[in-house]
Amino acid sequence: MKNETNYVYILECSDKTLYTGTTSNIEKRIREHNHTRTGAKYTRERRPVRLVYVETCSTLSIALKREAEIKKLSRTQKLLLIRNFR
């Protein structure tokens, strides 16, 4: 089994809302969100999106747990996380 890097990311949508997800290929996933039907329904309706935050995780399990943690944050807390990332 291949050990691949996983990512937790936050996108800013065209309406300034935030979307959090996980992937093993960040560039491909952003393209999907912006250009294909395989992007999330939420982001398809709010294109274009731009990547504003990304974390690297060693396993999918860790990435999914971190995604759940981030999704529980308030918008203000997410914006602080993004600001500290830049």
PDB file of N, CA and C in Angstrom:
ATOM      1  N   MET A   1       0.836  -1.184   0.000  1.00  0.00           N
ATOM      2  CA  MET A   1       0.000   0.000   0.000  1.00  0.00           C
ATOM      3  C   MET A   1       0.880   1.247   0.000  1.00  0.00           C
ATOM      4  N   LYS A   2       0.569   2.147  -0.893  1.00  0.00           N
ATOM      5  CA  LYS A   2       1.357   3.369  -1.027  1.00  0.00           C
ATOM      6  C   LYS A   2       1.034   4.337   0.115  1.00  0.00           C
ATOM      7  N   ASN A   3       2.067   4.872   0.727  1.00  0.00           N
ATOM      8  CA  ASN A   3       1.887   5.853   1.788  1.00  0.00           C
ATOM      9  C   ASN A   3       1.939   7.238   1.154  1.00  0.00           C
ATOM     10  N   GLU A   4       0.796   7.861   1.008  1.00  0.00           N
ATOM     11  CA  GLU A   4       0.779   9.171   0.360  1.00  0.00           C
ATOM     12  C   GLU A   4       0.407  10.264   1.350  1.00  0.00           C
ATOM     13  N   THR A   5       0.840  11.456   1.036  1.00  0.00           N
ATOM     14  CA  THR A   5       0.538  12.620   1.855  1.00  0.00           C
ATOM     15  C   THR A   5      -0.921  13.005   1.654  1.00  0.00           C
ATOM     16  N   ASN A   6      -1.547  13.413   2.713  1.00  0.00           N
ATOM     17  CA  ASN A   6      -2.921  13.899   2.658  1.00  0.00           C
ATOM     18  C   ASN A   6      -2.947  15.338   3.143  1.00  0.00           C
ATOM     19  N   TYR A   7      -3.928  16.070   2.669  1.00  0.00           N
ATOM     20  CA  TYR A   7      -4.026  17.489   2.978  1.00  0.00           C
ATOM     21  C   TYR A   7      -5.419  17.829   3.492  1.00  0.00           C
ATOM     22  N   VAL A   8      -5.447  18.764   4.422  1.00  0.00           N
ATOM     23  CA  VAL A   8      -6.685  19.409   4.845  1.00  0.00           C
ATOM     24  C   VAL A   8      -6.582  20.821   4.304  1.00  0.00           C
ATOM     25  N   TYR A   9      -7.647  21.299   3.673  1.00  0.00           N
ATOM     26  CA  TYR A   9      -7.571  22.615   3.051  1.00  0.00           C
ATOM     27  C   TYR A   9      -8.838  23.423   3.307  1.00  0.00           C
ATOM     28  N   ILE A  10      -8.689  24.729   3.195  1.00  0.00           N
ATOM     29  CA  ILE A  10      -9.829  25.638   3.263  1.00  0.00           C
ATOM     30  C   ILE A  10      -9.828  26.456   1.989  1.00  0.00           C
ATOM     31  N   LEU A  11     -10.998  26.530   1.366  1.00  0.00           N
ATOM     32  CA  LEU A  11     -11.193  27.351   0.174  1.00  0.00           C
ATOM     33  C   LEU A  11     -12.044  28.546   0.536  1.00  0.00           C
ATOM     34  N   GLU A  12     -11.761  29.664  -0.100  1.00  0.00           N
ATOM     35  CA  GLU A  12     -12.658  30.813  -0.019  1.00  0.00           C
ATOM     36  C   GLU A  12     -13.440  30.834  -1.327  1.00  0.00           C
ATOM     37  N   CYS A  13     -14.746  30.821  -1.211  1.00  0.00           N
ATOM     38  CA  CYS A  13     -15.616  30.819  -2.385  1.00  0.00           C
ATOM     39  C   CYS A  13     -15.879  32.249  -2.847  1.00  0.00           C
ATOM     40  N   SER A  14     -16.464  32.369  -4.034  1.00  0.00           N
ATOM     41  CA  SER A  14     -16.711  33.699  -4.610  1.00  0.00           C
ATOM     42  C   SER A  14     -17.629  34.547  -3.730  1.00  0.00           C
ATOM     43  N   ASP A  15     -18.494  33.914  -2.942  1.00  0.00           N
ATOM     44  CA  ASP A  15     -19.387  34.661  -2.046  1.00  0.00           C
ATOM     45  C   ASP A  15     -18.771  34.883  -0.665  1.00  0.00           C
ATOM     46  N   LYS A  16     -17.454  34.620  -0.550  1.00  0.00           N
ATOM     47  CA  LYS A  16     -16.662  34.817   0.675  1.00  0.00           C
ATOM     48  C   LYS A  16     -16.939  33.775   1.757  1.00  0.00           C
ATOM     49  N   THR A  17     -17.727  32.743   1.457  1.00  0.00           N
ATOM     50  CA  THR A  17     -17.894  31.661   2.414  1.00  0.00           C
ATOM     51  C   THR A  17     -16.657  30.771   2.361  1.00  0.00           C
ATOM     52  N   LEU A  18     -16.508  29.933   3.384  1.00  0.00           N
ATOM     53  CA  LEU A  18     -15.350  29.051   3.487  1.00  0.00           C
ATOM     54  C   LEU A  18     -15.795  27.602   3.370  1.00  0.00           C
ATOM     55  N   TYR A  19     -14.977  26.809   2.690  1.00  0.00           N
ATOM     56  CA  TYR A  19     -15.241  25.382   2.517  1.00  0.00           C
ATOM     57  C   TYR A  19     -14.000  24.622   2.960  1.00  0.00           C
ATOM     58  N   THR A  20     -14.184  23.579   3.766  1.00  0.00           N
ATOM     59  CA  THR A  20     -13.074  22.770   4.259  1.00  0.00           C
ATOM     60  C   THR A  20     -13.178  21.361   3.698  1.00  0.00           C
ATOM     61  N   GLY A  21     -12.040  20.801   3.266  1.00  0.00           N
ATOM     62  CA  GLY A  21     -12.036  19.445   2.729  1.00  0.00           C
ATOM     63  C   GLY A  21     -10.695  18.770   2.907  1.00  0.00           C
ATOM     64  N   THR A  22     -10.618  17.528   2.432  1.00  0.00           N
ATOM     65  CA  THR A  22      -9.368  16.767   2.459  1.00  0.00           C
ATOM     66  C   THR A  22      -9.100  16.184   1.071  1.00  0.00           C
ATOM     67  N   THR A  23      -7.840  15.927   0.795  1.00  0.00           N
ATOM     68  CA  THR A  23      -7.457  15.338  -0.486  1.00  0.00           C
ATOM     69  C   THR A  23      -6.037  14.798  -0.389  1.00  0.00           C
ATOM     70  N   SER A  24      -5.675  13.958  -1.344  1.00  0.00           N
ATOM     71  CA  SER A  24      -4.279  13.514  -1.442  1.00  0.00           C
ATOM     72  C   SER A  24      -3.557  14.239  -2.574  1.00  0.00           C
ATOM     73  N   ASN A  25      -4.304  15.040  -3.364  1.00  0.00           N
ATOM     74  CA  ASN A  25      -3.712  15.794  -4.476  1.00  0.00           C
ATOM     75  C   ASN A  25      -4.352  17.180  -4.510  1.00  0.00           C
ATOM     76  N   ILE A  26      -3.716  18.133  -3.876  1.00  0.00           N
ATOM     77  CA  ILE A  26      -4.313  19.456  -3.687  1.00  0.00           C
ATOM     78  C   ILE A  26      -4.536  20.190  -5.005  1.00  0.00           C
ATOM     79  N   GLU A  27      -3.568  20.141  -5.915  1.00  0.00           N
ATOM     80  CA  GLU A  27      -3.725  20.857  -7.184  1.00  0.00           C
ATOM     81  C   GLU A  27      -4.908  20.312  -7.981  1.00  0.00           C
ATOM     82  N   LYS A  28      -4.990  18.986  -8.070  1.00  0.00           N
ATOM     83  CA  LYS A  28      -6.096  18.348  -8.799  1.00  0.00           C
ATOM     84  C   LYS A  28      -7.439  18.693  -8.160  1.00  0.00           C
ATOM     85  N   ARG A  29      -7.482  18.672  -6.832  1.00  0.00           N
ATOM     86  CA  ARG A  29      -8.758  18.926  -6.141  1.00  0.00           C
ATOM     87  C   ARG A  29      -9.231  20.365  -6.351  1.00  0.00           C
ATOM     88  N   ILE A  30      -8.338  21.321  -6.346  1.00  0.00           N
ATOM     89  CA  ILE A  30      -8.727  22.716  -6.585  1.00  0.00           C
ATOM     90  C   ILE A  30      -9.273  22.849  -8.004  1.00  0.00           C
ATOM     91  N   ARG A  31      -8.609  22.212  -8.968  1.00  0.00           N
ATOM     92  CA  ARG A  31      -9.109  22.211 -10.360  1.00  0.00           C
ATOM     93  C   ARG A  31     -10.512  21.628 -10.416  1.00  0.00           C
ATOM     94  N   GLU A  32     -10.728  20.525  -9.707  1.00  0.00           N
ATOM     95  CA  GLU A  32     -12.054  19.905  -9.685  1.00  0.00           C
ATOM     96  C   GLU A  32     -13.090  20.854  -9.098  1.00  0.00           C
ATOM     97  N   HIS A  33     -12.749  21.510  -8.012  1.00  0.00           N
ATOM     98  CA  HIS A  33     -13.690  22.455  -7.390  1.00  0.00           C
ATOM     99  C   HIS A  33     -14.051  23.585  -8.353  1.00  0.00           C
ATOM    100  N   ASN A  34     -13.093  24.028  -9.140  1.00  0.00           N
ATOM    101  CA  ASN A  34     -13.333  25.171 -10.017  1.00  0.00           C
ATOM    102  C   ASN A  34     -13.878  24.822 -11.393  1.00  0.00           C
ATOM    103  N   HIS A  35     -13.628  23.591 -11.877  1.00  0.00           N
ATOM    104  CA  HIS A  35     -13.920  23.328 -13.290  1.00  0.00           C
ATOM    105  C   HIS A  35     -14.721  22.073 -13.614  1.00  0.00           C
ATOM    106  N   THR A  36     -14.956  21.197 -12.652  1.00  0.00           N
ATOM    107  CA  THR A  36     -15.622  19.940 -12.997  1.00  0.00           C
ATOM    108  C   THR A  36     -16.808  19.665 -12.084  1.00  0.00           C
ATOM    109  N   ARG A  37     -17.550  18.650 -12.441  1.00  0.00           N
ATOM    110  CA  ARG A  37     -18.687  18.229 -11.624  1.00  0.00           C
ATOM    111  C   ARG A  37     -18.246  17.425 -10.399  1.00  0.00           C
ATOM    112  N   THR A  38     -16.990  17.000 -10.370  1.00  0.00           N
ATOM    113  CA  THR A  38     -16.513  16.228  -9.226  1.00  0.00           C
ATOM    114  C   THR A  38     -16.148  17.114  -8.038  1.00  0.00           C
ATOM    115  N   GLY A  39     -16.159  18.429  -8.247  1.00  0.00           N
ATOM    116  CA  GLY A  39     -16.008  19.338  -7.119  1.00  0.00           C
ATOM    117  C   GLY A  39     -17.254  19.233  -6.251  1.00  0.00           C
ATOM    118  N   ALA A  40     -17.169  19.629  -5.021  1.00  0.00           N
ATOM    119  CA  ALA A  40     -18.315  19.558  -4.114  1.00  0.00           C
ATOM    120  C   ALA A  40     -19.470  20.401  -4.631  1.00  0.00           C
ATOM    121  N   LYS A  41     -20.681  19.938  -4.393  1.00  0.00           N
ATOM    122  CA  LYS A  41     -21.869  20.688  -4.814  1.00  0.00           C
ATOM    123  C   LYS A  41     -21.827  22.110  -4.233  1.00  0.00           C
ATOM    124  N   TYR A  42     -21.405  22.213  -2.999  1.00  0.00           N
ATOM    125  CA  TYR A  42     -21.336  23.524  -2.356  1.00  0.00           C
ATOM    126  C   TYR A  42     -20.461  24.484  -3.151  1.00  0.00           C
ATOM    127  N   THR A  43     -19.287  24.024  -3.570  1.00  0.00           N
ATOM    128  CA  THR A  43     -18.377  24.926  -4.279  1.00  0.00           C
ATOM    129  C   THR A  43     -18.782  25.125  -5.736  1.00  0.00           C
ATOM    130  N   ARG A  44     -19.437  24.154  -6.343  1.00  0.00           N
ATOM    131  CA  ARG A  44     -19.881  24.306  -7.743  1.00  0.00           C
ATOM    132  C   ARG A  44     -20.791  25.512  -7.889  1.00  0.00           C
ATOM    133  N   GLU A  45     -21.561  25.779  -6.873  1.00  0.00           N
ATOM    134  CA  GLU A  45     -22.507  26.901  -6.902  1.00  0.00           C
ATOM    135  C   GLU A  45     -21.869  28.220  -6.483  1.00  0.00           C
ATOM    136  N   ARG A  46     -20.580  28.185  -6.122  1.00  0.00           N
ATOM    137  CA  ARG A  46     -19.913  29.388  -5.584  1.00  0.00           C
ATOM    138  C   ARG A  46     -18.541  29.608  -6.222  1.00  0.00           C
ATOM    139  N   ARG A  47     -18.398  29.243  -7.463  1.00  0.00           N
ATOM    140  CA  ARG A  47     -17.127  29.411  -8.178  1.00  0.00           C
ATOM    141  C   ARG A  47     -16.902  30.855  -8.560  1.00  0.00           C
ATOM    142  N   PRO A  48     -15.644  31.261  -8.712  1.00  0.00           N
ATOM    143  CA  PRO A  48     -14.439  30.475  -8.487  1.00  0.00           C
ATOM    144  C   PRO A  48     -14.086  30.393  -7.005  1.00  0.00           C
ATOM    145  N   VAL A  49     -13.311  29.371  -6.675  1.00  0.00           N
ATOM    146  CA  VAL A  49     -12.804  29.232  -5.308  1.00  0.00           C
ATOM    147  C   VAL A  49     -11.298  29.409  -5.344  1.00  0.00           C
ATOM    148  N   ARG A  50     -10.755  29.803  -4.204  1.00  0.00           N
ATOM    149  CA  ARG A  50      -9.290  29.907  -4.133  1.00  0.00           C
ATOM    150  C   ARG A  50      -8.818  29.305  -2.816  1.00  0.00           C
ATOM    151  N   LEU A  51      -7.670  28.676  -2.892  1.00  0.00           N
ATOM    152  CA  LEU A  51      -7.068  28.037  -1.730  1.00  0.00           C
ATOM    153  C   LEU A  51      -6.525  29.105  -0.792  1.00  0.00           C
ATOM    154  N   VAL A  52      -6.958  29.060   0.474  1.00  0.00           N
ATOM    155  CA  VAL A  52      -6.480  30.046   1.450  1.00  0.00           C
ATOM    156  C   VAL A  52      -5.760  29.405   2.627  1.00  0.00           C
ATOM    157  N   TYR A  53      -5.833  28.070   2.731  1.00  0.00           N
ATOM    158  CA  TYR A  53      -5.187  27.381   3.853  1.00  0.00           C
ATOM    159  C   TYR A  53      -4.968  25.924   3.487  1.00  0.00           C
ATOM    160  N   VAL A  54      -3.833  25.372   3.882  1.00  0.00           N
ATOM    161  CA  VAL A  54      -3.571  23.946   3.677  1.00  0.00           C
ATOM    162  C   VAL A  54      -2.673  23.421   4.790  1.00  0.00           C
ATOM    163  N   GLU A  55      -2.970  22.220   5.263  1.00  0.00           N
ATOM    164  CA  GLU A  55      -2.157  21.505   6.244  1.00  0.00           C
ATOM    165  C   GLU A  55      -1.783  20.160   5.646  1.00  0.00           C
ATOM    166  N   THR A  56      -0.592  19.695   5.909  1.00  0.00           N
ATOM    167  CA  THR A  56      -0.148  18.373   5.474  1.00  0.00           C
ATOM    168  C   THR A  56      -0.342  17.387   6.623  1.00  0.00           C
ATOM    169  N   CYS A  57      -0.907  16.231   6.298  1.00  0.00           N
ATOM    170  CA  CYS A  57      -1.118  15.174   7.297  1.00  0.00           C
ATOM    171  C   CYS A  57      -0.502  13.881   6.780  1.00  0.00           C
ATOM    172  N   SER A  58       0.021  13.076   7.675  1.00  0.00           N
ATOM    173  CA  SER A  58       0.722  11.856   7.264  1.00  0.00           C
ATOM    174  C   SER A  58      -0.212  10.720   6.875  1.00  0.00           C
ATOM    175  N   THR A  59      -1.460  10.750   7.366  1.00  0.00           N
ATOM    176  CA  THR A  59      -2.409   9.694   7.014  1.00  0.00           C
ATOM    177  C   THR A  59      -3.785  10.297   6.724  1.00  0.00           C
ATOM    178  N   LEU A  60      -4.593   9.549   6.007  1.00  0.00           N
ATOM    179  CA  LEU A  60      -5.955   9.993   5.732  1.00  0.00           C
ATOM    180  C   LEU A  60      -6.751  10.121   7.018  1.00  0.00           C
ATOM    181  N   SER A  61      -6.550   9.204   7.932  1.00  0.00           N
ATOM    182  CA  SER A  61      -7.260   9.243   9.211  1.00  0.00           C
ATOM    183  C   SER A  61      -6.982  10.553   9.964  1.00  0.00           C
ATOM    184  N   ILE A  62      -5.737  10.943  10.008  1.00  0.00           N
ATOM    185  CA  ILE A  62      -5.376  12.205  10.679  1.00  0.00           C
ATOM    186  C   ILE A  62      -5.998  13.387   9.943  1.00  0.00           C
ATOM    187  N   ALA A  63      -5.953  13.354   8.617  1.00  0.00           N
ATOM    188  CA  ALA A  63      -6.538  14.443   7.822  1.00  0.00           C
ATOM    189  C   ALA A  63      -8.035  14.567   8.070  1.00  0.00           C
ATOM    190  N   LEU A  64      -8.730  13.442   8.123  1.00  0.00           N
ATOM    191  CA  LEU A  64     -10.181  13.474   8.350  1.00  0.00           C
ATOM    192  C   LEU A  64     -10.520  13.989   9.745  1.00  0.00           C
ATOM    193  N   LYS A  65      -9.721  13.614  10.733  1.00  0.00           N
ATOM    194  CA  LYS A  65      -9.937  14.118  12.099  1.00  0.00           C
ATOM    195  C   LYS A  65      -9.705  15.621  12.158  1.00  0.00           C
ATOM    196  N   ARG A  66      -8.659  16.077  11.495  1.00  0.00           N
ATOM    197  CA  ARG A  66      -8.359  17.514  11.482  1.00  0.00           C
ATOM    198  C   ARG A  66      -9.436  18.282  10.730  1.00  0.00           C
ATOM    199  N   GLU A  67      -9.930  17.719   9.626  1.00  0.00           N
ATOM    200  CA  GLU A  67     -11.025  18.355   8.885  1.00  0.00           C
ATOM    201  C   GLU A  67     -12.229  18.539   9.804  1.00  0.00           C
ATOM    202  N   ALA A  68     -12.575  17.513  10.556  1.00  0.00           N
ATOM    203  CA  ALA A  68     -13.714  17.600  11.483  1.00  0.00           C
ATOM    204  C   ALA A  68     -13.486  18.688  12.531  1.00  0.00           C
ATOM    205  N   GLU A  69     -12.262  18.792  13.039  1.00  0.00           N
ATOM    206  CA  GLU A  69     -11.939  19.840  14.021  1.00  0.00           C
ATOM    207  C   GLU A  69     -12.132  21.226  13.420  1.00  0.00           C
ATOM    208  N   ILE A  70     -11.627  21.422  12.210  1.00  0.00           N
ATOM    209  CA  ILE A  70     -11.724  22.730  11.564  1.00  0.00           C
ATOM    210  C   ILE A  70     -13.181  23.075  11.275  1.00  0.00           C
ATOM    211  N   LYS A  71     -13.955  22.103  10.837  1.00  0.00           N
ATOM    212  CA  LYS A  71     -15.366  22.364  10.520  1.00  0.00           C
ATOM    213  C   LYS A  71     -16.159  22.794  11.752  1.00  0.00           C
ATOM    214  N   LYS A  72     -15.699  22.414  12.935  1.00  0.00           N
ATOM    215  CA  LYS A  72     -16.376  22.804  14.177  1.00  0.00           C
ATOM    216  C   LYS A  72     -16.029  24.227  14.612  1.00  0.00           C
ATOM    217  N   LEU A  73     -14.980  24.801  14.030  1.00  0.00           N
ATOM    218  CA  LEU A  73     -14.571  26.161  14.397  1.00  0.00           C
ATOM    219  C   LEU A  73     -15.584  27.185  13.892  1.00  0.00           C
ATOM    220  N   SER A  74     -15.660  28.292  14.583  1.00  0.00           N
ATOM    221  CA  SER A  74     -16.490  29.401  14.108  1.00  0.00           C
ATOM    222  C   SER A  74     -15.798  30.049  12.904  1.00  0.00           C
ATOM    223  N   ARG A  75     -16.529  30.850  12.169  1.00  0.00           N
ATOM    224  CA  ARG A  75     -15.928  31.561  11.032  1.00  0.00           C
ATOM    225  C   ARG A  75     -14.756  32.422  11.498  1.00  0.00           C
ATOM    226  N   THR A  76     -14.927  33.103  12.619  1.00  0.00           N
ATOM    227  CA  THR A  76     -13.864  33.949  13.158  1.00  0.00           C
ATOM    228  C   THR A  76     -12.614  33.120  13.468  1.00  0.00           C
ATOM    229  N   GLN A  77     -12.793  31.959  14.058  1.00  0.00           N
ATOM    230  CA  GLN A  77     -11.654  31.094  14.367  1.00  0.00           C
ATOM    231  C   GLN A  77     -10.985  30.591  13.087  1.00  0.00           C
ATOM    232  N   LYS A  78     -11.778  30.278  12.066  1.00  0.00           N
ATOM    233  CA  LYS A  78     -11.208  29.838  10.788  1.00  0.00           C
ATOM    234  C   LYS A  78     -10.415  30.967  10.138  1.00  0.00           C
ATOM    235  N   LEU A  79     -10.935  32.184  10.188  1.00  0.00           N
ATOM    236  CA  LEU A  79     -10.227  33.319   9.606  1.00  0.00           C
ATOM    237  C   LEU A  79      -8.908  33.565  10.327  1.00  0.00           C
ATOM    238  N   LEU A  80      -8.879  33.364  11.640  1.00  0.00           N
ATOM    239  CA  LEU A  80      -7.647  33.496  12.413  1.00  0.00           C
ATOM    240  C   LEU A  80      -6.648  32.415  11.998  1.00  0.00           C
ATOM    241  N   LEU A  81      -7.111  31.202  11.822  1.00  0.00           N
ATOM    242  CA  LEU A  81      -6.262  30.112  11.353  1.00  0.00           C
ATOM    243  C   LEU A  81      -5.656  30.454   9.996  1.00  0.00           C
ATOM    244  N   ILE A  82      -6.479  30.984   9.096  1.00  0.00           N
ATOM    245  CA  ILE A  82      -6.025  31.373   7.766  1.00  0.00           C
ATOM    246  C   ILE A  82      -5.003  32.506   7.857  1.00  0.00           C
ATOM    247  N   ARG A  83      -5.300  33.508   8.662  1.00  0.00           N
ATOM    248  CA  ARG A  83      -4.399  34.649   8.815  1.00  0.00           C
ATOM    249  C   ARG A  83      -3.040  34.211   9.335  1.00  0.00           C
ATOM    250  N   ASN A  84      -3.024  33.293  10.310  1.00  0.00           N
ATOM    251  CA  ASN A  84      -1.764  32.805  10.871  1.00  0.00           C
ATOM    252  C   ASN A  84      -1.000  31.929   9.890  1.00  0.00           C
ATOM    253  N   PHE A  85      -1.689  31.368   8.909  1.00  0.00           N
ATOM    254  CA  PHE A  85      -1.069  30.516   7.894  1.00  0.00           C
ATOM    255  C   PHE A  85      -0.280  31.340   6.896  1.00  0.00           C
ATOM    256  N   ARG A  86      -0.765  32.507   6.571  1.00  0.00           N
ATOM    257  CA  ARG A  86      -0.164  33.334   5.521  1.00  0.00           C
ATOM    258  C   ARG A  86       1.115  33.924   5.935  1.00  0.00           C
TER     259      ARG A  86
END
